[in-house]
Protein backbone atom coordinates (compact mmCIF):
# COMPACT_ATOMS: atom_id res chain seq x y z
CA MET A 1 -40.36 0.06 -12.24
CA ARG A 2 -36.68 -0.31 -13.00
CA LEU A 3 -35.47 -0.58 -16.58
CA THR A 4 -34.08 -4.03 -15.84
CA VAL A 5 -37.56 -5.22 -14.84
CA PHE A 6 -39.06 -3.53 -17.90
CA TRP A 7 -36.67 -5.27 -20.29
CA ASP A 8 -37.11 -8.59 -18.51
CA ARG A 9 -40.86 -8.35 -19.02
CA MET A 10 -40.39 -7.30 -22.65
CA ARG A 11 -38.23 -10.39 -23.26
CA GLN A 12 -40.74 -12.64 -21.51
CA GLN A 13 -43.56 -11.20 -23.60
CA PHE A 14 -41.90 -11.04 -27.02
CA GLY A 15 -38.80 -13.23 -26.84
CA GLU A 16 -35.16 -12.21 -26.71
CA ALA A 17 -34.69 -10.91 -30.26
CA TYR A 18 -38.21 -9.69 -31.01
CA ALA A 19 -38.41 -7.53 -27.86
CA GLU A 20 -35.69 -5.25 -29.22
CA SER A 21 -37.40 -5.07 -32.60
CA VAL A 22 -40.74 -4.12 -31.04
CA ALA A 23 -39.04 -1.45 -28.93
CA LYS A 24 -37.25 0.01 -31.92
CA ASP A 25 -39.84 -0.27 -34.68
CA TYR A 26 -43.40 -0.32 -33.30
CA VAL A 27 -44.99 3.14 -33.07
CA MET A 28 -47.54 3.24 -30.28
CA ALA A 29 -50.50 5.60 -30.04
CA GLU A 30 -50.37 5.28 -26.24
CA LEU A 31 -46.90 6.82 -26.37
CA ASP A 32 -48.01 9.79 -28.49
CA GLY A 33 -46.82 8.21 -31.73
CA ARG A 34 -43.39 7.24 -30.42
CA THR A 35 -41.63 3.94 -30.21
CA ILE A 36 -40.69 2.43 -26.86
CA GLU A 37 -37.07 3.43 -27.41
CA GLN A 38 -38.05 7.02 -28.23
CA ALA A 39 -40.33 7.30 -25.20
CA LEU A 40 -37.65 5.98 -22.84
CA ALA A 41 -35.03 8.28 -24.41
CA ASP A 42 -37.42 11.21 -23.92
CA GLY A 43 -37.53 10.45 -20.20
CA GLU A 44 -40.84 8.61 -19.90
CA SER A 45 -40.84 6.27 -16.93
CA ALA A 46 -40.43 2.56 -17.59
CA LYS A 47 -43.69 2.01 -15.70
CA LYS A 48 -45.65 4.32 -18.01
CA VAL A 49 -44.11 2.72 -21.08
CA TRP A 50 -44.90 -0.77 -19.76
CA HIS A 51 -48.53 0.25 -19.20
CA ALA A 52 -48.63 1.34 -22.86
CA VAL A 53 -47.26 -2.07 -23.90
CA VAL A 54 -49.93 -3.81 -21.81
CA ALA A 55 -52.65 -1.64 -23.38
CA THR A 56 -51.39 -2.36 -26.91
CA PHE A 57 -50.48 -6.04 -26.82
CA ASN A 58 -52.09 -9.14 -25.35
CA VAL A 59 -49.87 -9.31 -22.26
CA PRO A 60 -50.63 -12.15 -19.83
CA SER A 61 -51.77 -11.08 -16.38
CA ARG A 62 -48.66 -12.55 -14.73
CA LEU A 63 -46.59 -9.87 -16.50
CA GLN A 64 -48.91 -6.96 -15.90
């Protein structure tokens, strides 16, 4: 998954402004206690991070 696709799905799921807030502030157990931004900065793939988002939030099937 490309980062552009990842961020597009994040914006579809959370809205334009809230997607950035979730990525910056929400610590996820599925990402070993990191935020989305931290996980991506650490080199985790966008696909792995997106799967963590799907596991944590109620993401509609069309975005999974």
